[in-house]
Amino acid sequence: MQDFDLGALEKALSNPAVDHVRVFDKETGGRIDIEAVSLRQMIVDAVGEALAKQKIMDDYGRLTGSR
């Protein structure tokens, strides 16, 4: 078990051999489980949403001539 390190988390998630990442909250004794596959999907979904929003804004800009 290691203290939280975002760089180490990103490295673990990019490793195809890693299928589970567990995060523990030491202060409350609670545990939060995050499966790497689920987290990757959440990131992919978030990026997809951001790109879709940007496309809508670009299209609106072209229609209104504001870009």
PDB file of N, CA and C in Angstrom:
ATOM      1  N   MET A   1       0.853  -1.170   0.000  1.00  0.00           N
ATOM      2  CA  MET A   1       0.000   0.000   0.000  1.00  0.00           C
ATOM      3  C   MET A   1       0.898   1.231   0.000  1.00  0.00           C
ATOM      4  N   GLN A   2       0.499   2.236  -0.772  1.00  0.00           N
ATOM      5  CA  GLN A   2       1.272   3.468  -0.887  1.00  0.00           C
ATOM      6  C   GLN A   2       0.376   4.655  -0.603  1.00  0.00           C
ATOM      7  N   ASP A   3       0.983   5.769  -0.186  1.00  0.00           N
ATOM      8  CA  ASP A   3       0.224   7.001  -0.064  1.00  0.00           C
ATOM      9  C   ASP A   3      -0.182   7.445  -1.459  1.00  0.00           C
ATOM     10  N   PHE A   4      -1.277   8.176  -1.539  1.00  0.00           N
ATOM     11  CA  PHE A   4      -1.798   8.595  -2.837  1.00  0.00           C
ATOM     12  C   PHE A   4      -0.776   9.435  -3.582  1.00  0.00           C
ATOM     13  N   ASP A   5      -0.571   9.079  -4.827  1.00  0.00           N
ATOM     14  CA  ASP A   5       0.328   9.801  -5.717  1.00  0.00           C
ATOM     15  C   ASP A   5      -0.320   9.755  -7.094  1.00  0.00           C
ATOM     16  N   LEU A   6      -0.740  10.901  -7.596  1.00  0.00           N
ATOM     17  CA  LEU A   6      -1.450  10.937  -8.875  1.00  0.00           C
ATOM     18  C   LEU A   6      -0.598  10.356  -9.999  1.00  0.00           C
ATOM     19  N   GLY A   7       0.690  10.637  -9.992  1.00  0.00           N
ATOM     20  CA  GLY A   7       1.569  10.083 -11.022  1.00  0.00           C
ATOM     21  C   GLY A   7       1.603   8.567 -10.993  1.00  0.00           C
ATOM     22  N   ALA A   8       1.678   7.998  -9.784  1.00  0.00           N
ATOM     23  CA  ALA A   8       1.683   6.539  -9.650  1.00  0.00           C
ATOM     24  C   ALA A   8       0.346   5.955 -10.080  1.00  0.00           C
ATOM     25  N   LEU A   9      -0.750   6.654  -9.779  1.00  0.00           N
ATOM     26  CA  LEU A   9      -2.070   6.188 -10.190  1.00  0.00           C
ATOM     27  C   LEU A   9      -2.175   6.185 -11.713  1.00  0.00           C
ATOM     28  N   GLU A  10      -1.734   7.268 -12.347  1.00  0.00           N
ATOM     29  CA  GLU A  10      -1.777   7.349 -13.807  1.00  0.00           C
ATOM     30  C   GLU A  10      -0.917   6.249 -14.430  1.00  0.00           C
ATOM     31  N   LYS A  11       0.255   5.993 -13.840  1.00  0.00           N
ATOM     32  CA  LYS A  11       1.140   4.950 -14.353  1.00  0.00           C
ATOM     33  C   LYS A  11       0.471   3.579 -14.233  1.00  0.00           C
ATOM     34  N   ALA A  12      -0.156   3.320 -13.095  1.00  0.00           N
ATOM     35  CA  ALA A  12      -0.836   2.039 -12.892  1.00  0.00           C
ATOM     36  C   ALA A  12      -1.976   1.873 -13.892  1.00  0.00           C
ATOM     37  N   LEU A  13      -2.735   2.943 -14.136  1.00  0.00           N
ATOM     38  CA  LEU A  13      -3.865   2.865 -15.050  1.00  0.00           C
ATOM     39  C   LEU A  13      -3.427   2.682 -16.495  1.00  0.00           C
ATOM     40  N   SER A  14      -2.232   3.149 -16.824  1.00  0.00           N
ATOM     41  CA  SER A  14      -1.756   2.992 -18.202  1.00  0.00           C
ATOM     42  C   SER A  14      -1.131   1.622 -18.438  1.00  0.00           C
ATOM     43  N   ASN A  15      -0.916   0.856 -17.371  1.00  0.00           N
ATOM     44  CA  ASN A  15      -0.336  -0.476 -17.484  1.00  0.00           C
ATOM     45  C   ASN A  15      -1.451  -1.466 -17.836  1.00  0.00           C
ATOM     46  N   PRO A  16      -1.376  -2.093 -19.024  1.00  0.00           N
ATOM     47  CA  PRO A  16      -2.454  -3.017 -19.417  1.00  0.00           C
ATOM     48  C   PRO A  16      -2.575  -4.244 -18.511  1.00  0.00           C
ATOM     49  N   ALA A  17      -1.541  -4.534 -17.732  1.00  0.00           N
ATOM     50  CA  ALA A  17      -1.597  -5.683 -16.828  1.00  0.00           C
ATOM     51  C   ALA A  17      -2.385  -5.373 -15.560  1.00  0.00           C
ATOM     52  N   VAL A  18      -2.663  -4.101 -15.297  1.00  0.00           N
ATOM     53  CA  VAL A  18      -3.395  -3.697 -14.094  1.00  0.00           C
ATOM     54  C   VAL A  18      -4.881  -3.707 -14.410  1.00  0.00           C
ATOM     55  N   ASP A  19      -5.647  -4.482 -13.638  1.00  0.00           N
ATOM     56  CA  ASP A  19      -7.084  -4.498 -13.873  1.00  0.00           C
ATOM     57  C   ASP A  19      -7.881  -3.936 -12.705  1.00  0.00           C
ATOM     58  N   HIS A  20      -7.240  -3.685 -11.572  1.00  0.00           N
ATOM     59  CA  HIS A  20      -7.924  -3.089 -10.428  1.00  0.00           C
ATOM     60  C   HIS A  20      -6.981  -2.118  -9.724  1.00  0.00           C
ATOM     61  N   VAL A  21      -7.559  -1.018  -9.293  1.00  0.00           N
ATOM     62  CA  VAL A  21      -6.841  -0.054  -8.456  1.00  0.00           C
ATOM     63  C   VAL A  21      -7.750   0.209  -7.272  1.00  0.00           C
ATOM     64  N   ARG A  22      -7.202   0.121  -6.091  1.00  0.00           N
ATOM     65  CA  ARG A  22      -8.011   0.374  -4.892  1.00  0.00           C
ATOM     66  C   ARG A  22      -7.484   1.611  -4.187  1.00  0.00           C
ATOM     67  N   VAL A  23      -8.411   2.457  -3.763  1.00  0.00           N
ATOM     68  CA  VAL A  23      -8.066   3.672  -3.043  1.00  0.00           C
ATOM     69  C   VAL A  23      -8.696   3.573  -1.664  1.00  0.00           C
ATOM     70  N   PHE A  24      -7.885   3.770  -0.650  1.00  0.00           N
ATOM     71  CA  PHE A  24      -8.344   3.691   0.734  1.00  0.00           C
ATOM     72  C   PHE A  24      -8.318   5.087   1.348  1.00  0.00           C
ATOM     73  N   ASP A  25      -9.337   5.418   2.095  1.00  0.00           N
ATOM     74  CA  ASP A  25      -9.382   6.677   2.830  1.00  0.00           C
ATOM     75  C   ASP A  25      -8.921   6.385   4.252  1.00  0.00           C
ATOM     76  N   LYS A  26      -7.659   6.696   4.553  1.00  0.00           N
ATOM     77  CA  LYS A  26      -7.082   6.379   5.870  1.00  0.00           C
ATOM     78  C   LYS A  26      -7.772   7.128   6.996  1.00  0.00           C
ATOM     79  N   GLU A  27      -8.213   8.354   6.725  1.00  0.00           N
ATOM     80  CA  GLU A  27      -8.788   9.178   7.787  1.00  0.00           C
ATOM     81  C   GLU A  27     -10.094   8.614   8.325  1.00  0.00           C
ATOM     82  N   THR A  28     -10.911   8.080   7.458  1.00  0.00           N
ATOM     83  CA  THR A  28     -12.206   7.568   7.910  1.00  0.00           C
ATOM     84  C   THR A  28     -12.221   6.055   7.999  1.00  0.00           C
ATOM     85  N   GLY A  29     -11.165   5.428   7.520  1.00  0.00           N
ATOM     86  CA  GLY A  29     -11.123   3.975   7.519  1.00  0.00           C
ATOM     87  C   GLY A  29     -11.961   3.380   6.402  1.00  0.00           C
ATOM     88  N   GLY A  30     -12.559   4.243   5.588  1.00  0.00           N
ATOM     89  CA  GLY A  30     -13.387   3.781   4.478  1.00  0.00           C
ATOM     90  C   GLY A  30     -12.542   3.434   3.270  1.00  0.00           C
ATOM     91  N   ARG A  31     -13.081   2.628   2.422  1.00  0.00           N
ATOM     92  CA  ARG A  31     -12.359   2.226   1.229  1.00  0.00           C
ATOM     93  C   ARG A  31     -13.202   2.550   0.011  1.00  0.00           C
ATOM     94  N   ILE A  32     -12.549   3.051  -1.000  1.00  0.00           N
ATOM     95  CA  ILE A  32     -13.218   3.330  -2.263  1.00  0.00           C
ATOM     96  C   ILE A  32     -12.533   2.469  -3.307  1.00  0.00           C
ATOM     97  N   ASP A  33     -13.279   1.612  -3.983  1.00  0.00           N
ATOM     98  CA  ASP A  33     -12.714   0.784  -5.049  1.00  0.00           C
ATOM     99  C   ASP A  33     -12.970   1.444  -6.396  1.00  0.00           C
ATOM    100  N   ILE A  34     -11.933   1.528  -7.171  1.00  0.00           N
ATOM    101  CA  ILE A  34     -12.052   2.045  -8.530  1.00  0.00           C
ATOM    102  C   ILE A  34     -11.397   1.020  -9.434  1.00  0.00           C
ATOM    103  N   GLU A  35     -12.172   0.443 -10.317  1.00  0.00           N
ATOM    104  CA  GLU A  35     -11.587  -0.483 -11.274  1.00  0.00           C
ATOM    105  C   GLU A  35     -10.965   0.327 -12.402  1.00  0.00           C
ATOM    106  N   ALA A  36      -9.771  -0.062 -12.798  1.00  0.00           N
ATOM    107  CA  ALA A  36      -9.056   0.668 -13.838  1.00  0.00           C
ATOM    108  C   ALA A  36      -9.893   0.774 -15.102  1.00  0.00           C
ATOM    109  N   VAL A  37     -10.578  -0.288 -15.469  1.00  0.00           N
ATOM    110  CA  VAL A  37     -11.385  -0.266 -16.687  1.00  0.00           C
ATOM    111  C   VAL A  37     -12.494   0.772 -16.553  1.00  0.00           C
ATOM    112  N   SER A  38     -13.133   0.826 -15.406  1.00  0.00           N
ATOM    113  CA  SER A  38     -14.201   1.793 -15.182  1.00  0.00           C
ATOM    114  C   SER A  38     -13.663   3.211 -15.232  1.00  0.00           C
ATOM    115  N   LEU A  39     -12.514   3.439 -14.609  1.00  0.00           N
ATOM    116  CA  LEU A  39     -11.932   4.774 -14.602  1.00  0.00           C
ATOM    117  C   LEU A  39     -11.532   5.182 -16.013  1.00  0.00           C
ATOM    118  N   ARG A  40     -10.939   4.258 -16.745  1.00  0.00           N
ATOM    119  CA  ARG A  40     -10.585   4.566 -18.139  1.00  0.00           C
ATOM    120  C   ARG A  40     -11.832   4.944 -18.925  1.00  0.00           C
ATOM    121  N   GLN A  41     -12.919   4.196 -18.732  1.00  0.00           N
ATOM    122  CA  GLN A  41     -14.157   4.490 -19.460  1.00  0.00           C
ATOM    123  C   GLN A  41     -14.707   5.850 -19.059  1.00  0.00           C
ATOM    124  N   MET A  42     -14.633   6.196 -17.761  1.00  0.00           N
ATOM    125  CA  MET A  42     -15.099   7.508 -17.316  1.00  0.00           C
ATOM    126  C   MET A  42     -14.308   8.613 -18.002  1.00  0.00           C
ATOM    127  N   ILE A  43     -12.990   8.425 -18.136  1.00  0.00           N
ATOM    128  CA  ILE A  43     -12.149   9.426 -18.787  1.00  0.00           C
ATOM    129  C   ILE A  43     -12.501   9.529 -20.270  1.00  0.00           C
ATOM    130  N   VAL A  44     -12.657   8.380 -20.926  1.00  0.00           N
ATOM    131  CA  VAL A  44     -13.027   8.377 -22.340  1.00  0.00           C
ATOM    132  C   VAL A  44     -14.374   9.082 -22.531  1.00  0.00           C
ATOM    133  N   ASP A  45     -15.326   8.786 -21.677  1.00  0.00           N
ATOM    134  CA  ASP A  45     -16.648   9.416 -21.771  1.00  0.00           C
ATOM    135  C   ASP A  45     -16.558  10.928 -21.568  1.00  0.00           C
ATOM    136  N   ALA A  46     -15.757  11.353 -20.589  1.00  0.00           N
ATOM    137  CA  ALA A  46     -15.611  12.789 -20.313  1.00  0.00           C
ATOM    138  C   ALA A  46     -14.979  13.511 -21.495  1.00  0.00           C
ATOM    139  N   VAL A  47     -13.962  12.910 -22.089  1.00  0.00           N
ATOM    140  CA  VAL A  47     -13.311  13.519 -23.249  1.00  0.00           C
ATOM    141  C   VAL A  47     -14.300  13.580 -24.418  1.00  0.00           C
ATOM    142  N   GLY A  48     -15.057  12.515 -24.612  1.00  0.00           N
ATOM    143  CA  GLY A  48     -16.071  12.499 -25.669  1.00  0.00           C
ATOM    144  C   GLY A  48     -17.098  13.605 -25.484  1.00  0.00           C
ATOM    145  N   GLU A  49     -17.539  13.795 -24.248  1.00  0.00           N
ATOM    146  CA  GLU A  49     -18.501  14.865 -23.952  1.00  0.00           C
ATOM    147  C   GLU A  49     -17.902  16.231 -24.250  1.00  0.00           C
ATOM    148  N   ALA A  50     -16.644  16.428 -23.855  1.00  0.00           N
ATOM    149  CA  ALA A  50     -15.981  17.715 -24.088  1.00  0.00           C
ATOM    150  C   ALA A  50     -15.829  17.989 -25.581  1.00  0.00           C
ATOM    151  N   LEU A  51     -15.459  16.974 -26.347  1.00  0.00           N
ATOM    152  CA  LEU A  51     -15.316  17.152 -27.791  1.00  0.00           C
ATOM    153  C   LEU A  51     -16.659  17.441 -28.449  1.00  0.00           C
ATOM    154  N   ALA A  52     -17.708  16.757 -28.003  1.00  0.00           N
ATOM    155  CA  ALA A  52     -19.043  16.999 -28.551  1.00  0.00           C
ATOM    156  C   ALA A  52     -19.493  18.427 -28.238  1.00  0.00           C
ATOM    157  N   LYS A  53     -19.234  18.882 -27.030  1.00  0.00           N
ATOM    158  CA  LYS A  53     -19.606  20.251 -26.648  1.00  0.00           C
ATOM    159  C   LYS A  53     -18.848  21.260 -27.497  1.00  0.00           C
ATOM    160  N   GLN A  54     -17.556  21.005 -27.709  1.00  0.00           N
ATOM    161  CA  GLN A  54     -16.752  21.914 -28.515  1.00  0.00           C
ATOM    162  C   GLN A  54     -17.265  21.960 -29.954  1.00  0.00           C
ATOM    163  N   LYS A  55     -17.649  20.806 -30.496  1.00  0.00           N
ATOM    164  CA  LYS A  55     -18.184  20.764 -31.865  1.00  0.00           C
ATOM    165  C   LYS A  55     -19.476  21.567 -31.963  1.00  0.00           C
ATOM    166  N   ILE A  56     -20.345  21.430 -30.970  1.00  0.00           N
ATOM    167  CA  ILE A  56     -21.592  22.193 -30.954  1.00  0.00           C
ATOM    168  C   ILE A  56     -21.290  23.686 -30.917  1.00  0.00           C
ATOM    169  N   MET A  57     -20.349  24.075 -30.083  1.00  0.00           N
ATOM    170  CA  MET A  57     -19.991  25.493 -29.980  1.00  0.00           C
ATOM    171  C   MET A  57     -19.375  26.000 -31.281  1.00  0.00           C
ATOM    172  N   ASP A  58     -18.534  25.186 -31.926  1.00  0.00           N
ATOM    173  CA  ASP A  58     -17.939  25.572 -33.205  1.00  0.00           C
ATOM    174  C   ASP A  58     -19.016  25.717 -34.279  1.00  0.00           C
ATOM    175  N   ASP A  59     -19.951  24.736 -34.341  1.00  0.00           N
ATOM    176  CA  ASP A  59     -21.044  24.802 -35.310  1.00  0.00           C
ATOM    177  C   ASP A  59     -21.904  26.047 -35.082  1.00  0.00           C
ATOM    178  N   TYR A  60     -22.199  26.325 -33.837  1.00  0.00           N
ATOM    179  CA  TYR A  60     -23.006  27.516 -33.499  1.00  0.00           C
ATOM    180  C   TYR A  60     -22.264  28.774 -33.925  1.00  0.00           C
ATOM    181  N   GLY A  61     -20.971  28.810 -33.685  1.00  0.00           N
ATOM    182  CA  GLY A  61     -20.172  29.958 -34.088  1.00  0.00           C
ATOM    183  C   GLY A  61     -20.185  30.174 -35.591  1.00  0.00           C
ATOM    184  N   ARG A  62     -20.107  29.080 -36.335  1.00  0.00           N
ATOM    185  CA  ARG A  62     -20.163  29.200 -37.811  1.00  0.00           C
ATOM    186  C   ARG A  62     -21.547  29.684 -38.271  1.00  0.00           C
ATOM    187  N   LEU A  63     -22.597  29.185 -37.614  1.00  0.00           N
ATOM    188  CA  LEU A  63     -23.956  29.586 -37.996  1.00  0.00           C
ATOM    189  C   LEU A  63     -24.235  31.053 -37.690  1.00  0.00           C
ATOM    190  N   THR A  64     -23.727  31.513 -36.583  1.00  0.00           N
ATOM    191  CA  THR A  64     -24.005  32.894 -36.180  1.00  0.00           C
ATOM    192  C   THR A  64     -22.958  33.875 -36.678  1.00  0.00           C
ATOM    193  N   GLY A  65     -21.871  33.346 -37.262  1.00  0.00           N
ATOM    194  CA  GLY A  65     -20.816  34.211 -37.778  1.00  0.00           C
ATOM    195  C   GLY A  65     -19.969  34.837 -36.696  1.00  0.00           C
ATOM    196  N   SER A  66     -20.037  34.301 -35.486  1.00  0.00           N
ATOM    197  CA  SER A  66     -19.274  34.886 -34.375  1.00  0.00           C
ATOM    198  C   SER A  66     -17.852  34.342 -34.298  1.00  0.00           C
ATOM    199  N   ARG A  67     -17.482  33.454 -35.210  1.00  0.00           N
ATOM    200  CA  ARG A  67     -16.113  32.920 -35.191  1.00  0.00           C
ATOM    201  C   ARG A  67     -15.426  33.223 -36.469  1.00  0.00           C
TER     202      ARG A  67
END
